[in-house]
Amino acid sequence: MSKIDTQGMSGPVDPNYKGKVKAQPHKPMMIHPRRLFTPEYVKEMKILINEVLDEREYQRKLRMNYDDPTPPGISYFDTEQFKHRINEPEPEYPKPAYHSYRLDELQE
């Protein structure tokens, strides 16, 4: 019986071979976990969840008569606010909903 060993992985062809069998030591296989969502999708989902929680907190503050609750800022998903030309970088998120002034700037 002749056999072509193309990978060099076959044992001896002779069924009566009594030679020394040497096992090779192998490290355990490295497993890379696969995720259903891409990193970009995960980032957007976190932003969405945080925006929903901020909106819920704002509505709760309105019902509970807080003096001056700060409304949530511009939504990340409001794409009109984040338009930009192709040769410009994407605007940063979160965009401030209003201009914040420091006390020393107001006194001048």
PDB file of N, CA and C in Angstrom:
ATOM      1  N   MET A   1       0.855  -1.176   0.000  1.00  0.00           N
ATOM      2  CA  MET A   1       0.000   0.000   0.000  1.00  0.00           C
ATOM      3  C   MET A   1       0.898   1.235   0.000  1.00  0.00           C
ATOM      4  N   SER A   2       0.709   2.070  -0.955  1.00  0.00           N
ATOM      5  CA  SER A   2       1.489   3.303  -0.991  1.00  0.00           C
ATOM      6  C   SER A   2       0.533   4.478  -0.792  1.00  0.00           C
ATOM      7  N   LYS A   3       1.088   5.499  -0.231  1.00  0.00           N
ATOM      8  CA  LYS A   3       0.268   6.642   0.133  1.00  0.00           C
ATOM      9  C   LYS A   3       1.068   7.910  -0.130  1.00  0.00           C
ATOM     10  N   ILE A   4       0.415   8.921  -0.634  1.00  0.00           N
ATOM     11  CA  ILE A   4       1.078  10.198  -0.862  1.00  0.00           C
ATOM     12  C   ILE A   4       0.787  11.088   0.342  1.00  0.00           C
ATOM     13  N   ASP A   5       1.840  11.527   0.994  1.00  0.00           N
ATOM     14  CA  ASP A   5       1.707  12.384   2.167  1.00  0.00           C
ATOM     15  C   ASP A   5       2.034  13.810   1.747  1.00  0.00           C
ATOM     16  N   THR A   6       1.004  14.616   1.463  1.00  0.00           N
ATOM     17  CA  THR A   6       1.241  15.967   0.970  1.00  0.00           C
ATOM     18  C   THR A   6       1.476  16.969   2.092  1.00  0.00           C
ATOM     19  N   GLN A   7       1.044  16.657   3.303  1.00  0.00           N
ATOM     20  CA  GLN A   7       1.182  17.600   4.401  1.00  0.00           C
ATOM     21  C   GLN A   7       2.273  17.213   5.395  1.00  0.00           C
ATOM     22  N   GLY A   8       2.814  16.031   5.258  1.00  0.00           N
ATOM     23  CA  GLY A   8       3.836  15.584   6.202  1.00  0.00           C
ATOM     24  C   GLY A   8       3.246  15.248   7.564  1.00  0.00           C
ATOM     25  N   MET A   9       1.959  14.959   7.615  1.00  0.00           N
ATOM     26  CA  MET A   9       1.297  14.713   8.888  1.00  0.00           C
ATOM     27  C   MET A   9       0.905  13.249   9.075  1.00  0.00           C
ATOM     28  N   SER A  10       1.036  12.447   8.076  1.00  0.00           N
ATOM     29  CA  SER A  10       0.637  11.051   8.194  1.00  0.00           C
ATOM     30  C   SER A  10       1.696  10.259   8.941  1.00  0.00           C
ATOM     31  N   GLY A  11       1.246   9.199   9.576  1.00  0.00           N
ATOM     32  CA  GLY A  11       2.167   8.305  10.261  1.00  0.00           C
ATOM     33  C   GLY A  11       2.812   7.356   9.267  1.00  0.00           C
ATOM     34  N   PRO A  12       3.529   6.390   9.778  1.00  0.00           N
ATOM     35  CA  PRO A  12       4.156   5.420   8.880  1.00  0.00           C
ATOM     36  C   PRO A  12       3.110   4.625   8.097  1.00  0.00           C
ATOM     37  N   VAL A  13       3.482   4.234   6.878  1.00  0.00           N
ATOM     38  CA  VAL A  13       2.559   3.502   6.026  1.00  0.00           C
ATOM     39  C   VAL A  13       2.500   2.033   6.429  1.00  0.00           C
ATOM     40  N   ASP A  14       3.558   1.495   6.970  1.00  0.00           N
ATOM     41  CA  ASP A  14       3.631   0.082   7.337  1.00  0.00           C
ATOM     42  C   ASP A  14       2.770  -0.171   8.575  1.00  0.00           C
ATOM     43  N   PRO A  15       1.721  -1.043   8.494  1.00  0.00           N
ATOM     44  CA  PRO A  15       0.862  -1.309   9.651  1.00  0.00           C
ATOM     45  C   PRO A  15       1.588  -2.068  10.766  1.00  0.00           C
ATOM     46  N   ASN A  16       2.717  -2.680  10.469  1.00  0.00           N
ATOM     47  CA  ASN A  16       3.458  -3.435  11.477  1.00  0.00           C
ATOM     48  C   ASN A  16       4.577  -2.623  12.114  1.00  0.00           C
ATOM     49  N   TYR A  17       4.624  -1.320  11.879  1.00  0.00           N
ATOM     50  CA  TYR A  17       5.682  -0.462  12.385  1.00  0.00           C
ATOM     51  C   TYR A  17       5.591  -0.378  13.909  1.00  0.00           C
ATOM     52  N   LYS A  18       6.694  -0.644  14.584  1.00  0.00           N
ATOM     53  CA  LYS A  18       6.736  -0.645  16.051  1.00  0.00           C
ATOM     54  C   LYS A  18       7.675   0.426  16.584  1.00  0.00           C
ATOM     55  N   GLY A  19       7.931   1.439  15.805  1.00  0.00           N
ATOM     56  CA  GLY A  19       8.860   2.481  16.211  1.00  0.00           C
ATOM     57  C   GLY A  19       8.295   3.334  17.349  1.00  0.00           C
ATOM     58  N   LYS A  20       9.127   4.247  17.803  1.00  0.00           N
ATOM     59  CA  LYS A  20       8.762   5.114  18.920  1.00  0.00           C
ATOM     60  C   LYS A  20       7.793   6.206  18.437  1.00  0.00           C
ATOM     61  N   VAL A  21       6.673   6.334  19.118  1.00  0.00           N
ATOM     62  CA  VAL A  21       5.699   7.371  18.804  1.00  0.00           C
ATOM     63  C   VAL A  21       5.947   8.529  19.767  1.00  0.00           C
ATOM     64  N   LYS A  22       6.235   9.681  19.227  1.00  0.00           N
ATOM     65  CA  LYS A  22       6.570  10.835  20.049  1.00  0.00           C
ATOM     66  C   LYS A  22       5.470  11.891  19.900  1.00  0.00           C
ATOM     67  N   ALA A  23       4.787  12.188  20.992  1.00  0.00           N
ATOM     68  CA  ALA A  23       3.736  13.203  20.970  1.00  0.00           C
ATOM     69  C   ALA A  23       4.366  14.592  21.104  1.00  0.00           C
ATOM     70  N   GLN A  24       3.871  15.519  20.342  1.00  0.00           N
ATOM     71  CA  GLN A  24       4.385  16.873  20.407  1.00  0.00           C
ATOM     72  C   GLN A  24       3.599  17.655  21.461  1.00  0.00           C
ATOM     73  N   PRO A  25       4.293  18.446  22.260  1.00  0.00           N
ATOM     74  CA  PRO A  25       3.552  19.271  23.225  1.00  0.00           C
ATOM     75  C   PRO A  25       2.889  20.456  22.499  1.00  0.00           C
ATOM     76  N   HIS A  26       1.643  20.698  22.827  1.00  0.00           N
ATOM     77  CA  HIS A  26       0.898  21.792  22.210  1.00  0.00           C
ATOM     78  C   HIS A  26       0.360  22.706  23.301  1.00  0.00           C
ATOM     79  N   LYS A  27       0.399  23.984  23.028  1.00  0.00           N
ATOM     80  CA  LYS A  27      -0.231  24.940  23.927  1.00  0.00           C
ATOM     81  C   LYS A  27      -1.740  24.879  23.703  1.00  0.00           C
ATOM     82  N   PRO A  28      -2.513  25.242  24.714  1.00  0.00           N
ATOM     83  CA  PRO A  28      -3.962  25.292  24.493  1.00  0.00           C
ATOM     84  C   PRO A  28      -4.297  26.331  23.421  1.00  0.00           C
ATOM     85  N   MET A  29      -5.327  26.032  22.667  1.00  0.00           N
ATOM     86  CA  MET A  29      -5.727  26.910  21.580  1.00  0.00           C
ATOM     87  C   MET A  29      -6.201  28.262  22.121  1.00  0.00           C
ATOM     88  N   MET A  30      -5.811  29.329  21.439  1.00  0.00           N
ATOM     89  CA  MET A  30      -6.249  30.671  21.801  1.00  0.00           C
ATOM     90  C   MET A  30      -7.603  30.920  21.152  1.00  0.00           C
ATOM     91  N   ILE A  31      -8.588  31.308  21.941  1.00  0.00           N
ATOM     92  CA  ILE A  31      -9.925  31.566  21.423  1.00  0.00           C
ATOM     93  C   ILE A  31     -10.170  33.070  21.444  1.00  0.00           C
ATOM     94  N   HIS A  32     -10.520  33.612  20.299  1.00  0.00           N
ATOM     95  CA  HIS A  32     -10.872  35.022  20.191  1.00  0.00           C
ATOM     96  C   HIS A  32     -12.391  35.116  20.180  1.00  0.00           C
ATOM     97  N   PRO A  33     -12.971  35.768  21.183  1.00  0.00           N
ATOM     98  CA  PRO A  33     -14.432  35.831  21.212  1.00  0.00           C
ATOM     99  C   PRO A  33     -14.977  36.659  20.056  1.00  0.00           C
ATOM    100  N   ARG A  34     -16.058  36.204  19.512  1.00  0.00           N
ATOM    101  CA  ARG A  34     -16.714  36.929  18.429  1.00  0.00           C
ATOM    102  C   ARG A  34     -17.905  37.675  19.015  1.00  0.00           C
ATOM    103  N   ARG A  35     -18.044  38.893  18.622  1.00  0.00           N
ATOM    104  CA  ARG A  35     -19.140  39.720  19.104  1.00  0.00           C
ATOM    105  C   ARG A  35     -20.143  39.926  17.970  1.00  0.00           C
ATOM    106  N   LEU A  36     -21.385  40.049  18.369  1.00  0.00           N
ATOM    107  CA  LEU A  36     -22.440  40.253  17.394  1.00  0.00           C
ATOM    108  C   LEU A  36     -22.373  41.658  16.799  1.00  0.00           C
ATOM    109  N   PHE A  37     -21.977  42.633  17.627  1.00  0.00           N
ATOM    110  CA  PHE A  37     -21.982  44.023  17.198  1.00  0.00           C
ATOM    111  C   PHE A  37     -20.559  44.528  16.981  1.00  0.00           C
ATOM    112  N   THR A  38     -20.415  45.430  16.032  1.00  0.00           N
ATOM    113  CA  THR A  38     -19.116  46.045  15.773  1.00  0.00           C
ATOM    114  C   THR A  38     -18.817  47.056  16.882  1.00  0.00           C
ATOM    115  N   PRO A  39     -17.561  47.427  17.080  1.00  0.00           N
ATOM    116  CA  PRO A  39     -17.243  48.435  18.102  1.00  0.00           C
ATOM    117  C   PRO A  39     -17.956  49.770  17.869  1.00  0.00           C
ATOM    118  N   GLU A  40     -18.146  50.155  16.611  1.00  0.00           N
ATOM    119  CA  GLU A  40     -18.851  51.410  16.314  1.00  0.00           C
ATOM    120  C   GLU A  40     -20.313  51.325  16.739  1.00  0.00           C
ATOM    121  N   TYR A  41     -20.936  50.166  16.487  1.00  0.00           N
ATOM    122  CA  TYR A  41     -22.332  49.977  16.876  1.00  0.00           C
ATOM    123  C   TYR A  41     -22.469  50.009  18.392  1.00  0.00           C
ATOM    124  N   VAL A  42     -21.537  49.391  19.088  1.00  0.00           N
ATOM    125  CA  VAL A  42     -21.559  49.391  20.553  1.00  0.00           C
ATOM    126  C   VAL A  42     -21.432  50.816  21.085  1.00  0.00           C
ATOM    127  N   LYS A  43     -20.545  51.610  20.491  1.00  0.00           N
ATOM    128  CA  LYS A  43     -20.368  53.004  20.924  1.00  0.00           C
ATOM    129  C   LYS A  43     -21.669  53.780  20.746  1.00  0.00           C
ATOM    130  N   GLU A  44     -22.317  53.612  19.594  1.00  0.00           N
ATOM    131  CA  GLU A  44     -23.566  54.331  19.341  1.00  0.00           C
ATOM    132  C   GLU A  44     -24.675  53.867  20.279  1.00  0.00           C
ATOM    133  N   MET A  45     -24.718  52.592  20.595  1.00  0.00           N
ATOM    134  CA  MET A  45     -25.748  52.096  21.517  1.00  0.00           C
ATOM    135  C   MET A  45     -25.544  52.663  22.927  1.00  0.00           C
ATOM    136  N   LYS A  46     -24.298  52.774  23.360  1.00  0.00           N
ATOM    137  CA  LYS A  46     -24.023  53.372  24.670  1.00  0.00           C
ATOM    138  C   LYS A  46     -24.457  54.831  24.697  1.00  0.00           C
ATOM    139  N   ILE A  47     -24.172  55.553  23.616  1.00  0.00           N
ATOM    140  CA  ILE A  47     -24.582  56.952  23.529  1.00  0.00           C
ATOM    141  C   ILE A  47     -26.100  57.050  23.579  1.00  0.00           C
ATOM    142  N   LEU A  48     -26.784  56.184  22.837  1.00  0.00           N
ATOM    143  CA  LEU A  48     -28.245  56.209  22.812  1.00  0.00           C
ATOM    144  C   LEU A  48     -28.828  55.922  24.191  1.00  0.00           C
ATOM    145  N   ILE A  49     -28.302  54.919  24.868  1.00  0.00           N
ATOM    146  CA  ILE A  49     -28.804  54.574  26.198  1.00  0.00           C
ATOM    147  C   ILE A  49     -28.592  55.729  27.167  1.00  0.00           C
ATOM    148  N   ASN A  50     -27.420  56.353  27.123  1.00  0.00           N
ATOM    149  CA  ASN A  50     -27.159  57.481  28.015  1.00  0.00           C
ATOM    150  C   ASN A  50     -28.062  58.671  27.698  1.00  0.00           C
ATOM    151  N   GLU A  51     -28.341  58.910  26.413  1.00  0.00           N
ATOM    152  CA  GLU A  51     -29.248  60.001  26.054  1.00  0.00           C
ATOM    153  C   GLU A  51     -30.660  59.741  26.566  1.00  0.00           C
ATOM    154  N   VAL A  52     -31.114  58.511  26.481  1.00  0.00           N
ATOM    155  CA  VAL A  52     -32.448  58.166  26.983  1.00  0.00           C
ATOM    156  C   VAL A  52     -32.501  58.351  28.490  1.00  0.00           C
ATOM    157  N   LEU A  53     -31.465  57.928  29.196  1.00  0.00           N
ATOM    158  CA  LEU A  53     -31.442  58.111  30.647  1.00  0.00           C
ATOM    159  C   LEU A  53     -31.376  59.591  31.029  1.00  0.00           C
ATOM    160  N   ASP A  54     -30.623  60.401  30.287  1.00  0.00           N
ATOM    161  CA  ASP A  54     -30.565  61.841  30.553  1.00  0.00           C
ATOM    162  C   ASP A  54     -31.931  62.493  30.337  1.00  0.00           C
ATOM    163  N   GLU A  55     -32.612  62.089  29.265  1.00  0.00           N
ATOM    164  CA  GLU A  55     -33.943  62.639  28.985  1.00  0.00           C
ATOM    165  C   GLU A  55     -34.920  62.250  30.087  1.00  0.00           C
ATOM    166  N   ARG A  56     -34.831  61.018  30.532  1.00  0.00           N
ATOM    167  CA  ARG A  56     -35.714  60.561  31.612  1.00  0.00           C
ATOM    168  C   ARG A  56     -35.453  61.338  32.889  1.00  0.00           C
ATOM    169  N   GLU A  57     -34.190  61.580  33.213  1.00  0.00           N
ATOM    170  CA  GLU A  57     -33.854  62.349  34.407  1.00  0.00           C
ATOM    171  C   GLU A  57     -34.347  63.789  34.280  1.00  0.00           C
ATOM    172  N   TYR A  58     -34.228  64.374  33.101  1.00  0.00           N
ATOM    173  CA  TYR A  58     -34.700  65.742  32.877  1.00  0.00           C
ATOM    174  C   TYR A  58     -36.218  65.824  33.073  1.00  0.00           C
ATOM    175  N   GLN A  59     -36.946  64.856  32.527  1.00  0.00           N
ATOM    176  CA  GLN A  59     -38.403  64.849  32.690  1.00  0.00           C
ATOM    177  C   GLN A  59     -38.787  64.682  34.161  1.00  0.00           C
ATOM    178  N   ARG A  60     -38.046  63.868  34.890  1.00  0.00           N
ATOM    179  CA  ARG A  60     -38.309  63.675  36.317  1.00  0.00           C
ATOM    180  C   ARG A  60     -38.061  64.973  37.081  1.00  0.00           C
ATOM    181  N   LYS A  61     -36.999  65.687  36.722  1.00  0.00           N
ATOM    182  CA  LYS A  61     -36.707  66.962  37.394  1.00  0.00           C
ATOM    183  C   LYS A  61     -37.779  68.004  37.099  1.00  0.00           C
ATOM    184  N   LEU A  62     -38.331  67.982  35.874  1.00  0.00           N
ATOM    185  CA  LEU A  62     -39.409  68.919  35.557  1.00  0.00           C
ATOM    186  C   LEU A  62     -40.649  68.640  36.404  1.00  0.00           C
ATOM    187  N   ARG A  63     -40.969  67.378  36.615  1.00  0.00           N
ATOM    188  CA  ARG A  63     -42.134  67.014  37.429  1.00  0.00           C
ATOM    189  C   ARG A  63     -41.925  67.321  38.902  1.00  0.00           C
ATOM    190  N   MET A  64     -40.675  67.299  39.365  1.00  0.00           N
ATOM    191  CA  MET A  64     -40.398  67.462  40.792  1.00  0.00           C
ATOM    192  C   MET A  64     -40.063  68.901  41.164  1.00  0.00           C
ATOM    193  N   ASN A  65     -40.312  69.858  40.304  1.00  0.00           N
ATOM    194  CA  ASN A  65     -40.133  71.281  40.592  1.00  0.00           C
ATOM    195  C   ASN A  65     -38.712  71.655  41.000  1.00  0.00           C
ATOM    196  N   TYR A  66     -37.751  71.207  40.219  1.00  0.00           N
ATOM    197  CA  TYR A  66     -36.385  71.692  40.421  1.00  0.00           C
ATOM    198  C   TYR A  66     -36.343  73.146  39.981  1.00  0.00           C
ATOM    199  N   ASP A  67     -35.431  73.926  40.547  1.00  0.00           N
ATOM    200  CA  ASP A  67     -35.366  75.349  40.222  1.00  0.00           C
ATOM    201  C   ASP A  67     -35.071  75.591  38.743  1.00  0.00           C
ATOM    202  N   ASP A  68     -34.009  75.014  38.242  1.00  0.00           N
ATOM    203  CA  ASP A  68     -33.627  75.257  36.855  1.00  0.00           C
ATOM    204  C   ASP A  68     -32.962  74.005  36.286  1.00  0.00           C
ATOM    205  N   PRO A  69     -33.768  72.990  35.920  1.00  0.00           N
ATOM    206  CA  PRO A  69     -33.127  71.785  35.367  1.00  0.00           C
ATOM    207  C   PRO A  69     -32.520  72.073  34.002  1.00  0.00           C
ATOM    208  N   THR A  70     -31.338  71.553  33.790  1.00  0.00           N
ATOM    209  CA  THR A  70     -30.642  71.743  32.524  1.00  0.00           C
ATOM    210  C   THR A  70     -31.202  70.765  31.498  1.00  0.00           C
ATOM    211  N   PRO A  71     -31.705  71.267  30.370  1.00  0.00           N
ATOM    212  CA  PRO A  71     -32.234  70.340  29.358  1.00  0.00           C
ATOM    213  C   PRO A  71     -31.103  69.525  28.744  1.00  0.00           C
ATOM    214  N   PRO A  72     -31.427  68.334  28.282  1.00  0.00           N
ATOM    215  CA  PRO A  72     -30.385  67.532  27.635  1.00  0.00           C
ATOM    216  C   PRO A  72     -29.852  68.245  26.401  1.00  0.00           C
ATOM    217  N   GLY A  73     -28.617  67.986  26.067  1.00  0.00           N
ATOM    218  CA  GLY A  73     -27.986  68.650  24.926  1.00  0.00           C
ATOM    219  C   GLY A  73     -28.484  68.105  23.606  1.00  0.00           C
ATOM    220  N   ILE A  74     -27.764  68.415  22.562  1.00  0.00           N
ATOM    221  CA  ILE A  74     -28.105  67.975  21.215  1.00  0.00           C
ATOM    222  C   ILE A  74     -27.864  66.473  21.114  1.00  0.00           C
ATOM    223  N   SER A  75     -28.809  65.790  20.510  1.00  0.00           N
ATOM    224  CA  SER A  75     -28.705  64.342  20.373  1.00  0.00           C
ATOM    225  C   SER A  75     -27.630  63.967  19.355  1.00  0.00           C
ATOM    226  N   TYR A  76     -26.919  62.913  19.642  1.00  0.00           N
ATOM    227  CA  TYR A  76     -25.909  62.374  18.725  1.00  0.00           C
ATOM    228  C   TYR A  76     -26.568  61.915  17.425  1.00  0.00           C
ATOM    229  N   PHE A  77     -27.834  61.524  17.521  1.00  0.00           N
ATOM    230  CA  PHE A  77     -28.543  60.981  16.369  1.00  0.00           C
ATOM    231  C   PHE A  77     -29.264  62.057  15.559  1.00  0.00           C
ATOM    232  N   ASP A  78     -29.162  63.309  15.977  1.00  0.00           N
ATOM    233  CA  ASP A  78     -29.682  64.420  15.209  1.00  0.00           C
ATOM    234  C   ASP A  78     -28.611  64.785  14.180  1.00  0.00           C
ATOM    235  N   THR A  79     -28.656  64.136  13.044  1.00  0.00           N
ATOM    236  CA  THR A  79     -27.566  64.245  12.067  1.00  0.00           C
ATOM    237  C   THR A  79     -27.473  65.624  11.438  1.00  0.00           C
ATOM    238  N   GLU A  80     -28.528  66.407  11.496  1.00  0.00           N
ATOM    239  CA  GLU A  80     -28.466  67.763  10.949  1.00  0.00           C
ATOM    240  C   GLU A  80     -27.447  68.610  11.708  1.00  0.00           C
ATOM    241  N   GLN A  81     -27.276  68.342  12.993  1.00  0.00           N
ATOM    242  CA  GLN A  81     -26.348  69.122  13.817  1.00  0.00           C
ATOM    243  C   GLN A  81     -24.888  68.746  13.570  1.00  0.00           C
ATOM    244  N   PHE A  82     -24.659  67.588  12.950  1.00  0.00           N
ATOM    245  CA  PHE A  82     -23.295  67.089  12.780  1.00  0.00           C
ATOM    246  C   PHE A  82     -22.867  67.022  11.319  1.00  0.00           C
ATOM    247  N   LYS A  83     -23.522  67.797  10.464  1.00  0.00           N
ATOM    248  CA  LYS A  83     -23.117  67.821   9.058  1.00  0.00           C
ATOM    249  C   LYS A  83     -21.745  68.487   8.943  1.00  0.00           C
ATOM    250  N   HIS A  84     -20.953  67.997   8.009  1.00  0.00           N
ATOM    251  CA  HIS A  84     -19.640  68.589   7.763  1.00  0.00           C
ATOM    252  C   HIS A  84     -19.197  68.224   6.353  1.00  0.00           C
ATOM    253  N   ARG A  85     -18.273  68.994   5.842  1.00  0.00           N
ATOM    254  CA  ARG A  85     -17.737  68.721   4.509  1.00  0.00           C
ATOM    255  C   ARG A  85     -16.816  67.514   4.562  1.00  0.00           C
ATOM    256  N   ILE A  86     -16.587  66.924   3.419  1.00  0.00           N
ATOM    257  CA  ILE A  86     -15.798  65.702   3.353  1.00  0.00           C
ATOM    258  C   ILE A  86     -14.351  65.921   3.785  1.00  0.00           C
ATOM    259  N   ASN A  87     -13.825  67.121   3.586  1.00  0.00           N
ATOM    260  CA  ASN A  87     -12.427  67.382   3.944  1.00  0.00           C
ATOM    261  C   ASN A  87     -12.291  67.938   5.364  1.00  0.00           C
ATOM    262  N   GLU A  88     -13.374  67.972   6.141  1.00  0.00           N
ATOM    263  CA  GLU A  88     -13.342  68.437   7.530  1.00  0.00           C
ATOM    264  C   GLU A  88     -13.579  67.260   8.460  1.00  0.00           C
ATOM    265  N   PRO A  89     -13.041  67.309   9.666  1.00  0.00           N
ATOM    266  CA  PRO A  89     -13.316  66.229  10.615  1.00  0.00           C
ATOM    267  C   PRO A  89     -14.748  66.317  11.131  1.00  0.00           C
ATOM    268  N   GLU A  90     -15.266  65.195  11.565  1.00  0.00           N
ATOM    269  CA  GLU A  90     -16.625  65.172  12.126  1.00  0.00           C
ATOM    270  C   GLU A  90     -16.653  65.990  13.409  1.00  0.00           C
ATOM    271  N   PRO A  91     -17.691  66.798  13.618  1.00  0.00           N
ATOM    272  CA  PRO A  91     -17.781  67.595  14.850  1.00  0.00           C
ATOM    273  C   PRO A  91     -17.782  66.708  16.087  1.00  0.00           C
ATOM    274  N   GLU A  92     -17.240  67.233  17.157  1.00  0.00           N
ATOM    275  CA  GLU A  92     -17.160  66.474  18.407  1.00  0.00           C
ATOM    276  C   GLU A  92     -18.537  66.284  19.022  1.00  0.00           C
ATOM    277  N   TYR A  93     -18.702  65.165  19.679  1.00  0.00           N
ATOM    278  CA  TYR A  93     -19.902  64.914  20.464  1.00  0.00           C
ATOM    279  C   TYR A  93     -19.463  64.787  21.895  1.00  0.00           C
ATOM    280  N   PRO A  94     -20.142  65.318  22.858  1.00  0.00           N
ATOM    281  CA  PRO A  94     -21.384  66.078  22.761  1.00  0.00           C
ATOM    282  C   PRO A  94     -21.113  67.541  22.468  1.00  0.00           C
ATOM    283  N   LYS A  95     -21.949  68.115  21.647  1.00  0.00           N
ATOM    284  CA  LYS A  95     -21.875  69.552  21.378  1.00  0.00           C
ATOM    285  C   LYS A  95     -22.559  70.266  22.537  1.00  0.00           C
ATOM    286  N   PRO A  96     -22.002  71.349  23.005  1.00  0.00           N
ATOM    287  CA  PRO A  96     -22.689  72.058  24.087  1.00  0.00           C
ATOM    288  C   PRO A  96     -24.002  72.650  23.582  1.00  0.00           C
ATOM    289  N   ALA A  97     -25.061  72.496  24.371  1.00  0.00           N
ATOM    290  CA  ALA A  97     -26.375  72.985  23.978  1.00  0.00           C
ATOM    291  C   ALA A  97     -26.462  74.498  24.136  1.00  0.00           C
ATOM    292  N   TYR A  98     -25.609  75.077  24.954  1.00  0.00           N
ATOM    293  CA  TYR A  98     -25.627  76.510  25.198  1.00  0.00           C
ATOM    294  C   TYR A  98     -24.202  76.948  25.489  1.00  0.00           C
ATOM    295  N   HIS A  99     -23.961  78.236  25.429  1.00  0.00           N
ATOM    296  CA  HIS A  99     -22.632  78.758  25.732  1.00  0.00           C
ATOM    297  C   HIS A  99     -22.472  78.837  27.238  1.00  0.00           C
ATOM    298  N   SER A 100     -21.423  78.298  27.715  1.00  0.00           N
ATOM    299  CA  SER A 100     -21.173  78.399  29.147  1.00  0.00           C
ATOM    300  C   SER A 100     -20.137  79.505  29.377  1.00  0.00           C
ATOM    301  N   TYR A 101     -20.432  80.387  30.297  1.00  0.00           N
ATOM    302  CA  TYR A 101     -19.542  81.486  30.625  1.00  0.00           C
ATOM    303  C   TYR A 101     -18.981  81.293  32.023  1.00  0.00           C
ATOM    304  N   ARG A 102     -17.752  81.681  32.189  1.00  0.00           N
ATOM    305  CA  ARG A 102     -17.172  81.670  33.529  1.00  0.00           C
ATOM    306  C   ARG A 102     -17.467  83.011  34.187  1.00  0.00           C
ATOM    307  N   LEU A 103     -17.434  83.005  35.497  1.00  0.00           N
ATOM    308  CA  LEU A 103     -17.751  84.213  36.247  1.00  0.00           C
ATOM    309  C   LEU A 103     -16.809  85.362  35.896  1.00  0.00           C
ATOM    310  N   ASP A 104     -15.521  85.068  35.724  1.00  0.00           N
ATOM    311  CA  ASP A 104     -14.581  86.145  35.401  1.00  0.00           C
ATOM    312  C   ASP A 104     -14.827  86.728  34.019  1.00  0.00           C
ATOM    313  N   GLU A 105     -15.394  85.947  33.096  1.00  0.00           N
ATOM    314  CA  GLU A 105     -15.715  86.480  31.768  1.00  0.00           C
ATOM    315  C   GLU A 105     -16.916  87.419  31.844  1.00  0.00           C
ATOM    316  N   LEU A 106     -17.870  87.131  32.721  1.00  0.00           N
ATOM    317  CA  LEU A 106     -19.058  87.965  32.840  1.00  0.00           C
ATOM    318  C   LEU A 106     -18.741  89.294  33.521  1.00  0.00           C
ATOM    319  N   GLN A 107     -17.741  89.324  34.366  1.00  0.00           N
ATOM    320  CA  GLN A 107     -17.417  90.534  35.104  1.00  0.00           C
ATOM    321  C   GLN A 107     -16.656  91.540  34.268  1.00  0.00           C
ATOM    322  N   GLU A 108     -16.112  91.131  33.173  1.00  0.00           N
ATOM    323  CA  GLU A 108     -15.320  92.048  32.346  1.00  0.00           C
ATOM    324  C   GLU A 108     -16.156  92.990  31.536  1.00  0.00           C
TER     325      GLU A 108
END
